[in-house]
Amino acid sequence: REQFRQMFVMLPKEIRLTVFQELSDIMKVYTLSFMTEAASVEALNVLTADELTDLFDLFSDEELKRYLDLLHKKAREEVISLLKFHPDSAGGIMDIGVLTLMADFTVEKSITILQRLRPRRDIHQSIYVTDRLHKLVGHILLEDLVLHQAHERISSFMHENELIAQAYEDQETIARQMVHYGLTMVPVVGIDNYFLGVISSATLVDVLVEEATEDVQRMAALTPLKHSYFETSFWQLVWERSYILVVLLLLESVSNSILHSNEATL
């Protein structure tokens, strides 16, 4: 870690921020511990709200308050809104930086909004439609805006949502449903169908990898690890596997005793 620290502070600013984004959450926490306040502000503000939420789960209450104060107002509000959900729930993994359109918008107005705001293409192939109370009512595809007349309202051709995730549903349940229906995007709603965000294909892959990793660890008689293998201490690994090793040793001892008893009888 000391070698990493010496190398990291020598990097040019742009590369340093790029490297910070690629670090694991454990290493991000460590990196923030030796960064100046100004550098911490820059580093935190290159992360998305959901990435910040995952990171902040590792902080103490004092650290959480200190780093929240460093965020811009909008980012701080987004993180606080995500922190109220369990990290493994749909609300905890959703992306809230999503553009929605109102059902009574015309095609022309919708295209103008998209051209001006230039939203992320990876999560806006499907654009979710809400009413004036921000309740989810359906979705449209980008190509729909090309195939319809400029004066048409999007409510006249919007599609029904095949799957809607409730904010407090378990992430694994939602991921399995997305795979079952062949979906790469699903909207997340709260009380009264209030639109909150989306779970994208990138997030879906992360959840599936995480769940598969936990299954493999259980098959290896290892309690699912909170952090990656190389970020878990040797003694923690020993502790996580000790109970199953004790059980196996006891079973072997009992088996040997029965075997010896049978041999003596014979």
C-alpha atoms as a PDB file:
ATOM      1  CA  ARG A   1       0.000   0.000   0.000  1.00  0.00           C
ATOM      2  CA  GLU A   2       2.839   2.377   0.719  1.00  0.00           C
ATOM      3  CA  GLN A   3       4.252   1.760  -2.762  1.00  0.00           C
ATOM      4  CA  PHE A   4       0.802   2.350  -4.231  1.00  0.00           C
ATOM      5  CA  ARG A   5       0.522   5.605  -2.301  1.00  0.00           C
ATOM      6  CA  GLN A   6       3.878   6.859  -3.570  1.00  0.00           C
ATOM      7  CA  MET A   7       2.972   5.993  -7.170  1.00  0.00           C
ATOM      8  CA  PHE A   8      -0.558   7.387  -6.999  1.00  0.00           C
ATOM      9  CA  VAL A   9       0.400  10.877  -5.805  1.00  0.00           C
ATOM     10  CA  MET A  10       2.955  11.138  -8.631  1.00  0.00           C
ATOM     11  CA  LEU A  11       0.357  10.597 -11.358  1.00  0.00           C
ATOM     12  CA  PRO A  12      -0.940  13.544 -13.409  1.00  0.00           C
ATOM     13  CA  LYS A  13      -4.338  14.763 -12.229  1.00  0.00           C
ATOM     14  CA  GLU A  14      -6.362  13.354 -15.141  1.00  0.00           C
ATOM     15  CA  ILE A  15      -4.773   9.908 -14.892  1.00  0.00           C
ATOM     16  CA  ARG A  16      -5.081   9.954 -11.112  1.00  0.00           C
ATOM     17  CA  LEU A  17      -8.852  10.467 -11.348  1.00  0.00           C
ATOM     18  CA  THR A  18      -9.183   7.734 -13.966  1.00  0.00           C
ATOM     19  CA  VAL A  19      -7.217   5.300 -11.802  1.00  0.00           C
ATOM     20  CA  PHE A  20      -9.329   6.231  -8.764  1.00  0.00           C
ATOM     21  CA  GLN A  21     -12.505   5.277 -10.642  1.00  0.00           C
ATOM     22  CA  GLU A  22     -11.109   1.810 -11.397  1.00  0.00           C
ATOM     23  CA  LEU A  23     -10.028   0.990  -7.826  1.00  0.00           C
ATOM     24  CA  SER A  24     -11.992  -1.374  -5.622  1.00  0.00           C
ATOM     25  CA  ASP A  25     -14.087   0.265  -2.882  1.00  0.00           C
ATOM     26  CA  ILE A  26     -11.565  -0.819  -0.236  1.00  0.00           C
ATOM     27  CA  MET A  27      -8.729   0.880  -2.111  1.00  0.00           C
ATOM     28  CA  LYS A  28     -10.834   3.982  -2.749  1.00  0.00           C
ATOM     29  CA  VAL A  29     -11.354   4.374   1.001  1.00  0.00           C
ATOM     30  CA  TYR A  30      -7.619   3.972   1.584  1.00  0.00           C
ATOM     31  CA  THR A  31      -6.782   6.446  -1.185  1.00  0.00           C
ATOM     32  CA  LEU A  32      -9.138   9.079   0.214  1.00  0.00           C
ATOM     33  CA  SER A  33      -7.435   8.731   3.593  1.00  0.00           C
ATOM     34  CA  PHE A  34      -4.205  10.307   2.292  1.00  0.00           C
ATOM     35  CA  MET A  35      -5.645  12.722  -0.285  1.00  0.00           C
ATOM     36  CA  THR A  36      -6.030  16.422   0.411  1.00  0.00           C
ATOM     37  CA  GLU A  37      -9.541  17.831   0.798  1.00  0.00           C
ATOM     38  CA  ALA A  38      -9.402  19.474  -2.631  1.00  0.00           C
ATOM     39  CA  ALA A  39      -8.216  16.238  -4.266  1.00  0.00           C
ATOM     40  CA  SER A  40     -10.900  14.273  -2.414  1.00  0.00           C
ATOM     41  CA  VAL A  41     -13.587  16.590  -3.796  1.00  0.00           C
ATOM     42  CA  GLU A  42     -12.354  16.007  -7.347  1.00  0.00           C
ATOM     43  CA  ALA A  43     -12.148  12.244  -6.829  1.00  0.00           C
ATOM     44  CA  LEU A  44     -15.608  11.903  -5.292  1.00  0.00           C
ATOM     45  CA  ASN A  45     -17.258  13.993  -7.966  1.00  0.00           C
ATOM     46  CA  VAL A  46     -16.084  11.727 -10.818  1.00  0.00           C
ATOM     47  CA  LEU A  47     -18.084   8.842  -9.328  1.00  0.00           C
ATOM     48  CA  THR A  48     -21.753   8.210 -10.062  1.00  0.00           C
ATOM     49  CA  ALA A  49     -24.321   8.349  -7.268  1.00  0.00           C
ATOM     50  CA  ASP A  50     -24.618   4.552  -7.048  1.00  0.00           C
ATOM     51  CA  GLU A  51     -20.808   4.166  -6.948  1.00  0.00           C
ATOM     52  CA  LEU A  52     -20.663   6.728  -4.143  1.00  0.00           C
ATOM     53  CA  THR A  53     -23.374   4.879  -2.248  1.00  0.00           C
ATOM     54  CA  ASP A  54     -21.434   1.593  -2.399  1.00  0.00           C
ATOM     55  CA  LEU A  55     -18.314   3.434  -1.243  1.00  0.00           C
ATOM     56  CA  PHE A  56     -20.028   5.240   1.616  1.00  0.00           C
ATOM     57  CA  ASP A  57     -21.294   1.944   3.030  1.00  0.00           C
ATOM     58  CA  LEU A  58     -17.689   1.318   4.132  1.00  0.00           C
ATOM     59  CA  PHE A  59     -17.277   4.607   6.020  1.00  0.00           C
ATOM     60  CA  SER A  60     -17.778   5.240   9.710  1.00  0.00           C
ATOM     61  CA  ASP A  61     -20.488   7.759  10.656  1.00  0.00           C
ATOM     62  CA  GLU A  62     -17.886  10.525  11.094  1.00  0.00           C
ATOM     63  CA  GLU A  63     -16.239   9.766   7.735  1.00  0.00           C
ATOM     64  CA  LEU A  64     -19.629   9.611   6.029  1.00  0.00           C
ATOM     65  CA  LYS A  65     -20.590  13.058   7.310  1.00  0.00           C
ATOM     66  CA  ARG A  66     -17.215  14.530   6.343  1.00  0.00           C
ATOM     67  CA  TYR A  67     -17.242  13.174   2.789  1.00  0.00           C
ATOM     68  CA  LEU A  68     -20.902  14.004   2.218  1.00  0.00           C
ATOM     69  CA  ASP A  69     -20.057  17.614   3.036  1.00  0.00           C
ATOM     70  CA  LEU A  70     -17.442  17.581   0.258  1.00  0.00           C
ATOM     71  CA  LEU A  71     -19.941  16.625  -2.449  1.00  0.00           C
ATOM     72  CA  HIS A  72     -21.813  19.081  -4.619  1.00  0.00           C
ATOM     73  CA  LYS A  73     -25.388  19.678  -3.455  1.00  0.00           C
ATOM     74  CA  LYS A  74     -26.987  17.653  -6.267  1.00  0.00           C
ATOM     75  CA  ALA A  75     -24.648  14.681  -5.806  1.00  0.00           C
ATOM     76  CA  ARG A  76     -25.136  14.810  -2.028  1.00  0.00           C
ATOM     77  CA  GLU A  77     -28.922  14.707  -2.397  1.00  0.00           C
ATOM     78  CA  GLU A  78     -28.689  11.761  -4.793  1.00  0.00           C
ATOM     79  CA  VAL A  79     -26.415   9.771  -2.468  1.00  0.00           C
ATOM     80  CA  ILE A  80     -28.596  10.443   0.572  1.00  0.00           C
ATOM     81  CA  SER A  81     -31.661   9.295  -1.373  1.00  0.00           C
ATOM     82  CA  LEU A  82     -29.881   6.010  -2.241  1.00  0.00           C
ATOM     83  CA  LEU A  83     -28.479   5.400   1.251  1.00  0.00           C
ATOM     84  CA  LYS A  84     -31.970   4.860   2.640  1.00  0.00           C
ATOM     85  CA  PHE A  85     -32.247   1.632   0.640  1.00  0.00           C
ATOM     86  CA  HIS A  86     -30.544  -1.634   1.553  1.00  0.00           C
ATOM     87  CA  PRO A  87     -27.365  -2.098  -0.546  1.00  0.00           C
ATOM     88  CA  ASP A  88     -28.685  -5.418  -1.907  1.00  0.00           C
ATOM     89  CA  SER A  89     -32.115  -4.088  -2.855  1.00  0.00           C
ATOM     90  CA  ALA A  90     -33.281  -2.756  -6.218  1.00  0.00           C
ATOM     91  CA  GLY A  91     -33.223   0.756  -4.776  1.00  0.00           C
ATOM     92  CA  GLY A  92     -29.679   0.253  -3.539  1.00  0.00           C
ATOM     93  CA  ILE A  93     -28.270  -0.651  -6.962  1.00  0.00           C
ATOM     94  CA  MET A  94     -30.402   1.520  -9.261  1.00  0.00           C
ATOM     95  CA  ASP A  95     -29.080   4.379 -11.388  1.00  0.00           C
ATOM     96  CA  ILE A  96     -30.983   7.585 -10.640  1.00  0.00           C
ATOM     97  CA  GLY A  97     -29.310   9.771 -13.270  1.00  0.00           C
ATOM     98  CA  VAL A  98     -32.049   8.971 -15.772  1.00  0.00           C
ATOM     99  CA  LEU A  99     -34.024  11.236 -18.063  1.00  0.00           C
ATOM    100  CA  THR A 100     -37.787  10.698 -18.257  1.00  0.00           C
ATOM    101  CA  LEU A 101     -40.411  12.204 -20.543  1.00  0.00           C
ATOM    102  CA  MET A 102     -43.998  13.145 -19.765  1.00  0.00           C
ATOM    103  CA  ALA A 103     -46.815  11.298 -21.456  1.00  0.00           C
ATOM    104  CA  ASP A 104     -48.281  14.476 -22.972  1.00  0.00           C
ATOM    105  CA  PHE A 105     -45.013  15.566 -24.640  1.00  0.00           C
ATOM    106  CA  THR A 106     -45.028  15.652 -28.435  1.00  0.00           C
ATOM    107  CA  VAL A 107     -42.400  13.875 -30.517  1.00  0.00           C
ATOM    108  CA  GLU A 108     -40.925  17.238 -31.491  1.00  0.00           C
ATOM    109  CA  LYS A 109     -40.603  18.419 -27.887  1.00  0.00           C
ATOM    110  CA  SER A 110     -39.117  15.087 -26.788  1.00  0.00           C
ATOM    111  CA  ILE A 111     -36.439  15.192 -29.508  1.00  0.00           C
ATOM    112  CA  THR A 112     -35.569  18.791 -28.584  1.00  0.00           C
ATOM    113  CA  ILE A 113     -35.100  17.795 -24.937  1.00  0.00           C
ATOM    114  CA  LEU A 114     -32.902  14.832 -25.859  1.00  0.00           C
ATOM    115  CA  GLN A 115     -30.765  16.955 -28.187  1.00  0.00           C
ATOM    116  CA  ARG A 116     -30.233  19.619 -25.540  1.00  0.00           C
ATOM    117  CA  LEU A 117     -29.536  17.322 -22.576  1.00  0.00           C
ATOM    118  CA  ARG A 118     -27.634  14.602 -24.503  1.00  0.00           C
ATOM    119  CA  PRO A 119     -28.324  11.807 -21.972  1.00  0.00           C
ATOM    120  CA  ARG A 120     -26.173   8.696 -21.669  1.00  0.00           C
ATOM    121  CA  ARG A 121     -26.910   6.404 -24.606  1.00  0.00           C
ATOM    122  CA  ASP A 122     -26.211   3.198 -22.666  1.00  0.00           C
ATOM    123  CA  ILE A 123     -29.238   3.671 -20.388  1.00  0.00           C
ATOM    124  CA  HIS A 124     -31.526   5.619 -22.698  1.00  0.00           C
ATOM    125  CA  GLN A 125     -32.260   3.113 -25.453  1.00  0.00           C
ATOM    126  CA  SER A 126     -35.536   2.819 -23.570  1.00  0.00           C
ATOM    127  CA  ILE A 127     -36.891   6.106 -22.241  1.00  0.00           C
ATOM    128  CA  TYR A 128     -39.398   5.874 -19.412  1.00  0.00           C
ATOM    129  CA  VAL A 129     -42.567   7.920 -19.490  1.00  0.00           C
ATOM    130  CA  THR A 130     -44.266   9.425 -16.427  1.00  0.00           C
ATOM    131  CA  ASP A 131     -47.331  11.506 -15.699  1.00  0.00           C
ATOM    132  CA  ARG A 132     -47.216  14.966 -14.121  1.00  0.00           C
ATOM    133  CA  LEU A 133     -46.902  13.411 -10.654  1.00  0.00           C
ATOM    134  CA  HIS A 134     -43.793  11.519 -11.814  1.00  0.00           C
ATOM    135  CA  LYS A 135     -45.591   8.173 -11.679  1.00  0.00           C
ATOM    136  CA  LEU A 136     -44.415   5.592 -14.192  1.00  0.00           C
ATOM    137  CA  VAL A 137     -46.894   4.939 -17.012  1.00  0.00           C
ATOM    138  CA  GLY A 138     -44.797   3.247 -19.724  1.00  0.00           C
ATOM    139  CA  HIS A 139     -41.755   3.608 -21.961  1.00  0.00           C
ATOM    140  CA  ILE A 140     -40.748   4.428 -25.527  1.00  0.00           C
ATOM    141  CA  LEU A 141     -37.769   3.422 -27.660  1.00  0.00           C
ATOM    142  CA  LEU A 142     -35.458   5.907 -29.339  1.00  0.00           C
ATOM    143  CA  GLU A 143     -36.543   4.702 -32.769  1.00  0.00           C
ATOM    144  CA  ASP A 144     -40.171   5.464 -31.898  1.00  0.00           C
ATOM    145  CA  LEU A 145     -39.345   9.165 -32.068  1.00  0.00           C
ATOM    146  CA  VAL A 146     -38.133   8.733 -35.652  1.00  0.00           C
ATOM    147  CA  LEU A 147     -41.086   6.634 -36.815  1.00  0.00           C
ATOM    148  CA  HIS A 148     -43.838   9.003 -35.646  1.00  0.00           C
ATOM    149  CA  GLN A 149     -44.987  12.448 -36.687  1.00  0.00           C
ATOM    150  CA  ALA A 150     -43.620  15.523 -34.891  1.00  0.00           C
ATOM    151  CA  HIS A 151     -47.052  16.561 -33.577  1.00  0.00           C
ATOM    152  CA  GLU A 152     -47.947  13.146 -32.075  1.00  0.00           C
ATOM    153  CA  ARG A 153     -47.959  12.799 -28.313  1.00  0.00           C
ATOM    154  CA  ILE A 154     -45.837   9.975 -26.939  1.00  0.00           C
ATOM    155  CA  SER A 155     -48.782   8.682 -24.895  1.00  0.00           C
ATOM    156  CA  SER A 156     -50.328   7.509 -28.191  1.00  0.00           C
ATOM    157  CA  PHE A 157     -47.543   5.023 -28.968  1.00  0.00           C
ATOM    158  CA  MET A 158     -45.745   4.313 -25.691  1.00  0.00           C
ATOM    159  CA  HIS A 159     -45.230   0.682 -24.642  1.00  0.00           C
ATOM    160  CA  GLU A 160     -46.282  -1.098 -21.465  1.00  0.00           C
ATOM    161  CA  ASN A 161     -43.441  -2.038 -19.104  1.00  0.00           C
ATOM    162  CA  GLU A 162     -42.865  -5.800 -19.049  1.00  0.00           C
ATOM    163  CA  LEU A 163     -41.265  -5.726 -15.619  1.00  0.00           C
ATOM    164  CA  ILE A 164     -41.250  -3.115 -12.869  1.00  0.00           C
ATOM    165  CA  ALA A 165     -38.960  -3.452  -9.852  1.00  0.00           C
ATOM    166  CA  GLN A 166     -40.084  -2.276  -6.445  1.00  0.00           C
ATOM    167  CA  ALA A 167     -37.365  -0.330  -4.631  1.00  0.00           C
ATOM    168  CA  TYR A 168     -37.189  -2.728  -1.660  1.00  0.00           C
ATOM    169  CA  GLU A 169     -37.114  -5.971  -3.684  1.00  0.00           C
ATOM    170  CA  ASP A 170     -33.993  -8.129  -3.454  1.00  0.00           C
ATOM    171  CA  GLN A 171     -31.447  -7.517  -6.221  1.00  0.00           C
ATOM    172  CA  GLU A 172     -31.039 -11.228  -6.959  1.00  0.00           C
ATOM    173  CA  THR A 173     -34.785 -11.648  -7.499  1.00  0.00           C
ATOM    174  CA  ILE A 174     -34.869  -8.736  -9.934  1.00  0.00           C
ATOM    175  CA  ALA A 175     -31.766  -9.978 -11.771  1.00  0.00           C
ATOM    176  CA  ARG A 176     -33.313 -13.416 -12.284  1.00  0.00           C
ATOM    177  CA  GLN A 177     -36.531 -11.864 -13.586  1.00  0.00           C
ATOM    178  CA  MET A 178     -34.564  -9.674 -16.006  1.00  0.00           C
ATOM    179  CA  VAL A 179     -32.748 -12.734 -17.351  1.00  0.00           C
ATOM    180  CA  HIS A 180     -36.036 -14.671 -17.566  1.00  0.00           C
ATOM    181  CA  TYR A 181     -37.722 -11.936 -19.635  1.00  0.00           C
ATOM    182  CA  GLY A 182     -34.566 -11.143 -21.628  1.00  0.00           C
ATOM    183  CA  LEU A 183     -34.489  -7.520 -20.442  1.00  0.00           C
ATOM    184  CA  THR A 184     -31.416  -5.288 -20.348  1.00  0.00           C
ATOM    185  CA  MET A 185     -33.182  -2.483 -18.478  1.00  0.00           C
ATOM    186  CA  VAL A 186     -35.878  -2.329 -15.830  1.00  0.00           C
ATOM    187  CA  PRO A 187     -37.466   0.690 -14.076  1.00  0.00           C
ATOM    188  CA  VAL A 188     -37.494   0.987 -10.288  1.00  0.00           C
ATOM    189  CA  VAL A 189     -40.472   2.543  -8.515  1.00  0.00           C
ATOM    190  CA  GLY A 190     -41.351   3.456  -4.966  1.00  0.00           C
ATOM    191  CA  ILE A 191     -44.648   4.029  -3.218  1.00  0.00           C
ATOM    192  CA  ASP A 192     -47.636   4.700  -5.525  1.00  0.00           C
ATOM    193  CA  ASN A 193     -45.570   3.780  -8.606  1.00  0.00           C
ATOM    194  CA  TYR A 194     -43.348   6.872  -8.183  1.00  0.00           C
ATOM    195  CA  PHE A 195     -40.441   6.575 -10.634  1.00  0.00           C
ATOM    196  CA  LEU A 196     -37.025   6.409  -8.901  1.00  0.00           C
ATOM    197  CA  GLY A 197     -34.465   5.084 -11.389  1.00  0.00           C
ATOM    198  CA  VAL A 198     -33.406   2.117 -13.511  1.00  0.00           C
ATOM    199  CA  ILE A 199     -31.344  -1.040 -13.246  1.00  0.00           C
ATOM    200  CA  SER A 200     -29.171  -1.206 -16.362  1.00  0.00           C
ATOM    201  CA  SER A 201     -27.499  -4.123 -18.139  1.00  0.00           C
ATOM    202  CA  ALA A 202     -24.122  -3.196 -16.602  1.00  0.00           C
ATOM    203  CA  THR A 203     -25.643  -3.395 -13.117  1.00  0.00           C
ATOM    204  CA  LEU A 204     -27.359  -6.674 -14.030  1.00  0.00           C
ATOM    205  CA  VAL A 205     -23.995  -8.207 -14.969  1.00  0.00           C
ATOM    206  CA  ASP A 206     -22.466  -7.018 -11.677  1.00  0.00           C
ATOM    207  CA  VAL A 207     -25.289  -8.602  -9.682  1.00  0.00           C
ATOM    208  CA  LEU A 208     -25.078 -11.920 -11.574  1.00  0.00           C
ATOM    209  CA  VAL A 209     -21.294 -12.074 -11.105  1.00  0.00           C
ATOM    210  CA  GLU A 210     -21.655 -11.274  -7.402  1.00  0.00           C
ATOM    211  CA  GLU A 211     -24.313 -13.937  -6.870  1.00  0.00           C
ATOM    212  CA  ALA A 212     -22.347 -16.536  -8.869  1.00  0.00           C
ATOM    213  CA  THR A 213     -19.235 -15.766  -6.814  1.00  0.00           C
ATOM    214  CA  GLU A 214     -21.184 -16.282  -3.587  1.00  0.00           C
ATOM    215  CA  ASP A 215     -22.520 -19.612  -4.873  1.00  0.00           C
ATOM    216  CA  VAL A 216     -18.988 -20.792  -5.720  1.00  0.00           C
ATOM    217  CA  GLN A 217     -17.759 -19.740  -2.275  1.00  0.00           C
ATOM    218  CA  ARG A 218     -20.563 -21.700  -0.609  1.00  0.00           C
ATOM    219  CA  MET A 219     -19.670 -24.748  -2.716  1.00  0.00           C
ATOM    220  CA  ALA A 220     -16.107 -24.391  -1.421  1.00  0.00           C
ATOM    221  CA  ALA A 221     -17.411 -24.421   2.169  1.00  0.00           C
ATOM    222  CA  LEU A 222     -16.607 -20.726   2.500  1.00  0.00           C
ATOM    223  CA  THR A 223     -18.962 -18.080   3.845  1.00  0.00           C
ATOM    224  CA  PRO A 224     -19.515 -15.485   1.073  1.00  0.00           C
ATOM    225  CA  LEU A 225     -16.837 -12.816   1.435  1.00  0.00           C
ATOM    226  CA  LYS A 226     -17.780  -9.161   1.699  1.00  0.00           C
ATOM    227  CA  HIS A 227     -14.635  -8.085  -0.150  1.00  0.00           C
ATOM    228  CA  SER A 228     -12.488  -9.673  -2.844  1.00  0.00           C
ATOM    229  CA  TYR A 229     -10.213 -12.632  -2.022  1.00  0.00           C
ATOM    230  CA  PHE A 230      -7.008 -10.581  -2.072  1.00  0.00           C
ATOM    231  CA  GLU A 231      -8.530  -7.885   0.140  1.00  0.00           C
ATOM    232  CA  THR A 232      -9.511 -10.416   2.812  1.00  0.00           C
ATOM    233  CA  SER A 233      -6.974 -11.187   5.511  1.00  0.00           C
ATOM    234  CA  PHE A 234      -5.530 -14.678   6.015  1.00  0.00           C
ATOM    235  CA  TRP A 235      -7.058 -14.969   9.497  1.00  0.00           C
ATOM    236  CA  GLN A 236     -10.465 -13.920   8.196  1.00  0.00           C
ATOM    237  CA  LEU A 237     -10.290 -16.694   5.589  1.00  0.00           C
ATOM    238  CA  VAL A 238      -9.289 -19.185   8.296  1.00  0.00           C
ATOM    239  CA  TRP A 239     -12.207 -18.053  10.470  1.00  0.00           C
ATOM    240  CA  GLU A 240     -14.704 -18.288   7.617  1.00  0.00           C
ATOM    241  CA  ARG A 241     -13.656 -21.877   6.845  1.00  0.00           C
ATOM    242  CA  SER A 242     -12.951 -23.067  10.386  1.00  0.00           C
ATOM    243  CA  TYR A 243     -16.496 -24.244  11.193  1.00  0.00           C
ATOM    244  CA  ILE A 244     -16.749 -26.539   8.184  1.00  0.00           C
ATOM    245  CA  LEU A 245     -13.243 -27.904   8.844  1.00  0.00           C
ATOM    246  CA  VAL A 246     -14.210 -28.668  12.445  1.00  0.00           C
ATOM    247  CA  VAL A 247     -17.345 -30.483  11.246  1.00  0.00           C
ATOM    248  CA  LEU A 248     -15.328 -32.514   8.708  1.00  0.00           C
ATOM    249  CA  LEU A 249     -12.746 -33.468  11.352  1.00  0.00           C
ATOM    250  CA  LEU A 250     -15.490 -34.581  13.750  1.00  0.00           C
ATOM    251  CA  LEU A 251     -17.144 -36.645  11.024  1.00  0.00           C
ATOM    252  CA  GLU A 252     -13.823 -38.240  10.162  1.00  0.00           C
ATOM    253  CA  SER A 253     -13.185 -39.004  13.838  1.00  0.00           C
ATOM    254  CA  VAL A 254     -16.621 -40.607  14.257  1.00  0.00           C
ATOM    255  CA  SER A 255     -16.170 -42.562  11.026  1.00  0.00           C
ATOM    256  CA  ASN A 256     -12.787 -43.883  12.162  1.00  0.00           C
ATOM    257  CA  SER A 257     -14.217 -44.869  15.547  1.00  0.00           C
ATOM    258  CA  ILE A 258     -17.036 -46.830  13.913  1.00  0.00           C
ATOM    259  CA  LEU A 259     -14.582 -48.476  11.531  1.00  0.00           C
ATOM    260  CA  HIS A 260     -12.252 -49.535  14.353  1.00  0.00           C
ATOM    261  CA  SER A 261     -15.202 -50.800  16.378  1.00  0.00           C
ATOM    262  CA  ASN A 262     -16.375 -52.949  13.476  1.00  0.00           C
ATOM    263  CA  GLU A 263     -12.854 -54.315  12.948  1.00  0.00           C
ATOM    264  CA  ALA A 264     -12.631 -55.227  16.632  1.00  0.00           C
ATOM    265  CA  THR A 265     -15.989 -57.018  16.451  1.00  0.00           C
ATOM    266  CA  LEU A 266     -14.889 -58.993  13.420  1.00  0.00           C
END
